[in-house]
Amino acid sequence: MIILFYRYFTLLIATLIHQKCMKPSKKLDNWYAINYMAKSQAVIRREQVKNYLLSEVKMSEQDASTTMNKLAQYKEIYLEFSKYVSTRKFPRMGVSVCGYNAATLHRNYSLSPLGAYNYLIYLQEKPEEALANLKKDCLAAGCSVRRT
């Protein structure tokens, strides 16, 4: 948090000096402010996910980094997972892969929240294999296969 404040303060000072010396166009100022804010949100999101993996899931630094990189390959899944980390709630209409979303996988197949989002990636990468494993696990447990 101190680092983010320092970066913000440094940016603010640089912006004020720049405005007094160069009188930049408003379009450039707006573009810079928008992109700086977007980057800050991404950094905050990444830190929240990393802290969740380290503290809640009890992962090592290396495993957390590997997991985050895998999730980040699937932007929609990563963004939804980061929102889950912030709120600890699954969205009503979450990302759906092969008719399943993270809430359904978590609720019906006893997967952890992280496991549910990782299973969405598995469904995306190897749909036939992932669906067969869901069906096999469900039949072994005596349930019916239900989708979203």
Protein backbone atom coordinates (compact mmCIF):
# COMPACT_ATOMS: atom_id res chain seq x y z
CA MET A 1 0.00 0.00 0.00
CA ILE A 2 2.88 2.35 0.82
CA ILE A 3 4.44 1.56 -2.56
CA LEU A 4 1.17 2.41 -4.36
CA PHE A 5 0.91 5.67 -2.39
CA TYR A 6 4.53 6.50 -3.24
CA ARG A 7 3.91 5.79 -6.93
CA TYR A 8 0.76 7.89 -6.89
CA PHE A 9 2.49 10.76 -5.08
CA THR A 10 5.45 10.62 -7.49
CA LEU A 11 3.08 10.62 -10.46
CA LEU A 12 1.15 13.54 -9.02
CA ILE A 13 4.32 15.62 -8.53
CA ALA A 14 5.58 14.72 -12.01
CA THR A 15 2.22 15.63 -13.52
CA LEU A 16 2.13 19.00 -11.76
CA ILE A 17 5.67 19.85 -12.88
CA HIS A 18 4.88 18.70 -16.40
CA GLN A 19 1.70 20.81 -16.55
CA LYS A 20 3.51 23.96 -15.40
CA CYS A 21 6.44 23.50 -17.77
CA MET A 22 4.91 22.11 -20.95
CA LYS A 23 1.15 22.79 -20.91
CA PRO A 24 0.28 19.34 -22.41
CA SER A 25 -2.93 18.70 -24.22
CA LYS A 26 -5.92 17.46 -22.25
CA LYS A 27 -6.22 14.35 -24.42
CA LEU A 28 -2.75 13.20 -23.43
CA ASP A 29 -3.42 13.93 -19.75
CA ASN A 30 -6.68 11.97 -19.86
CA TRP A 31 -5.07 9.04 -21.65
CA TYR A 32 -2.24 8.94 -19.12
CA ALA A 33 -4.61 9.13 -16.13
CA ILE A 34 -6.88 6.39 -17.51
CA ASN A 35 -4.00 4.05 -18.27
CA TYR A 36 -2.32 4.70 -14.93
CA MET A 37 -5.56 3.91 -13.08
CA ALA A 38 -6.10 0.73 -15.11
CA LYS A 39 -2.61 -0.42 -14.27
CA SER A 40 -3.17 0.32 -10.60
CA GLN A 41 -6.37 -1.74 -10.59
CA ALA A 42 -4.55 -4.65 -12.23
CA VAL A 43 -1.75 -4.45 -9.66
CA ILE A 44 -4.23 -4.35 -6.78
CA ARG A 45 -6.18 -7.29 -8.25
CA ARG A 46 -2.99 -9.33 -8.65
CA GLU A 47 -1.90 -8.62 -5.07
CA GLN A 48 -5.32 -9.66 -3.72
CA VAL A 49 -5.25 -12.94 -5.66
CA LYS A 50 -1.69 -13.65 -4.56
CA ASN A 51 -2.52 -12.95 -0.91
CA TYR A 52 -5.56 -15.24 -1.16
CA LEU A 53 -3.48 -18.08 -2.60
CA LEU A 54 -0.78 -17.65 0.04
CA SER A 55 -2.99 -17.18 3.09
CA GLU A 56 -6.29 -18.94 2.35
CA VAL A 57 -5.11 -21.77 0.11
CA LYS A 58 -1.73 -22.01 1.89
CA MET A 59 0.30 -22.19 -1.33
CA SER A 60 4.01 -21.56 -1.57
CA GLU A 61 5.20 -18.46 -3.42
CA GLN A 62 6.20 -20.58 -6.41
CA ASP A 63 2.88 -22.48 -6.56
CA ALA A 64 0.94 -19.22 -6.20
CA SER A 65 2.92 -17.68 -9.05
CA THR A 66 2.35 -20.74 -11.27
CA THR A 67 -1.38 -20.75 -10.46
CA MET A 68 -1.74 -17.04 -11.17
CA ASN A 69 0.06 -17.39 -14.49
CA LYS A 70 -2.22 -20.26 -15.51
CA LEU A 71 -5.36 -18.32 -14.52
CA ALA A 72 -4.09 -15.21 -16.32
CA GLN A 73 -4.00 -17.13 -19.61
CA TYR A 74 -7.81 -17.08 -19.47
CA LYS A 75 -8.68 -13.43 -18.86
CA GLU A 76 -12.42 -13.87 -18.19
CA ILE A 77 -11.80 -16.70 -15.73
CA TYR A 78 -9.00 -14.78 -14.00
CA LEU A 79 -11.08 -11.61 -13.68
CA GLU A 80 -14.03 -13.55 -12.26
CA PHE A 81 -11.75 -15.41 -9.82
CA SER A 82 -10.22 -12.11 -8.69
CA LYS A 83 -13.73 -10.76 -8.12
CA TYR A 84 -14.54 -13.89 -6.09
CA VAL A 85 -11.39 -13.27 -4.03
CA SER A 86 -12.55 -9.70 -3.32
CA THR A 87 -16.15 -10.56 -2.41
CA ARG A 88 -16.01 -14.29 -1.50
CA LYS A 89 -19.17 -14.67 -3.62
CA PHE A 90 -19.68 -16.28 -7.00
CA PRO A 91 -21.35 -14.01 -9.58
CA ARG A 92 -24.93 -14.76 -10.59
CA MET A 93 -24.10 -15.14 -14.26
CA GLY A 94 -20.49 -16.24 -14.22
CA VAL A 95 -18.21 -17.45 -16.98
CA SER A 96 -19.65 -20.63 -18.46
CA VAL A 97 -17.57 -23.34 -20.16
CA CYS A 98 -19.33 -26.41 -21.61
CA GLY A 99 -22.44 -25.42 -19.67
CA TYR A 100 -20.71 -25.20 -16.28
CA ASN A 101 -19.70 -22.21 -14.20
CA ALA A 102 -17.55 -21.99 -11.07
CA ALA A 103 -20.54 -21.76 -8.70
CA THR A 104 -22.07 -24.95 -10.11
CA LEU A 105 -18.78 -26.82 -9.95
CA HIS A 106 -18.18 -25.64 -6.38
CA ARG A 107 -21.70 -26.47 -5.22
CA ASN A 108 -22.37 -29.75 -7.07
CA TYR A 109 -18.92 -31.32 -7.18
CA SER A 110 -17.43 -30.24 -3.85
CA LEU A 111 -14.58 -28.34 -5.48
CA SER A 112 -12.91 -25.50 -3.63
CA PRO A 113 -13.43 -22.08 -5.22
CA LEU A 114 -9.94 -22.25 -6.73
CA GLY A 115 -10.59 -25.83 -7.83
CA ALA A 116 -13.79 -24.72 -9.56
CA TYR A 117 -12.00 -22.00 -11.52
CA ASN A 118 -9.17 -24.38 -12.38
CA TYR A 119 -11.77 -26.88 -13.60
CA LEU A 120 -13.19 -24.22 -15.92
CA ILE A 121 -9.71 -24.01 -17.46
CA TYR A 122 -9.61 -27.82 -17.74
CA LEU A 123 -13.01 -27.73 -19.47
CA GLN A 124 -11.66 -25.10 -21.85
CA GLU A 125 -8.43 -26.93 -22.65
CA LYS A 126 -9.66 -30.54 -22.76
CA PRO A 127 -13.47 -30.50 -22.86
CA GLU A 128 -14.10 -34.19 -23.63
CA GLU A 129 -11.73 -35.41 -20.93
CA ALA A 130 -12.99 -32.91 -18.35
CA LEU A 131 -16.66 -33.73 -19.04
CA ALA A 132 -15.95 -37.48 -18.86
CA ASN A 133 -14.22 -37.00 -15.49
CA LEU A 134 -17.13 -34.96 -14.16
CA LYS A 135 -19.58 -37.64 -15.23
CA LYS A 136 -17.40 -40.43 -13.79
CA ASP A 137 -16.97 -38.64 -10.45
CA CYS A 138 -20.66 -37.83 -10.31
CA LEU A 139 -21.74 -41.41 -11.05
CA ALA A 140 -19.34 -42.71 -8.40
CA ALA A 141 -20.92 -40.33 -5.89
CA GLY A 142 -24.47 -41.26 -7.00
CA CYS A 143 -25.54 -37.88 -8.31
CA SER A 144 -26.88 -36.69 -11.63
CA VAL A 145 -24.83 -34.47 -13.93
CA ARG A 146 -26.33 -30.97 -13.75
CA ARG A 147 -25.15 -27.94 -15.65
CA THR A 148 -25.80 -24.24 -15.17
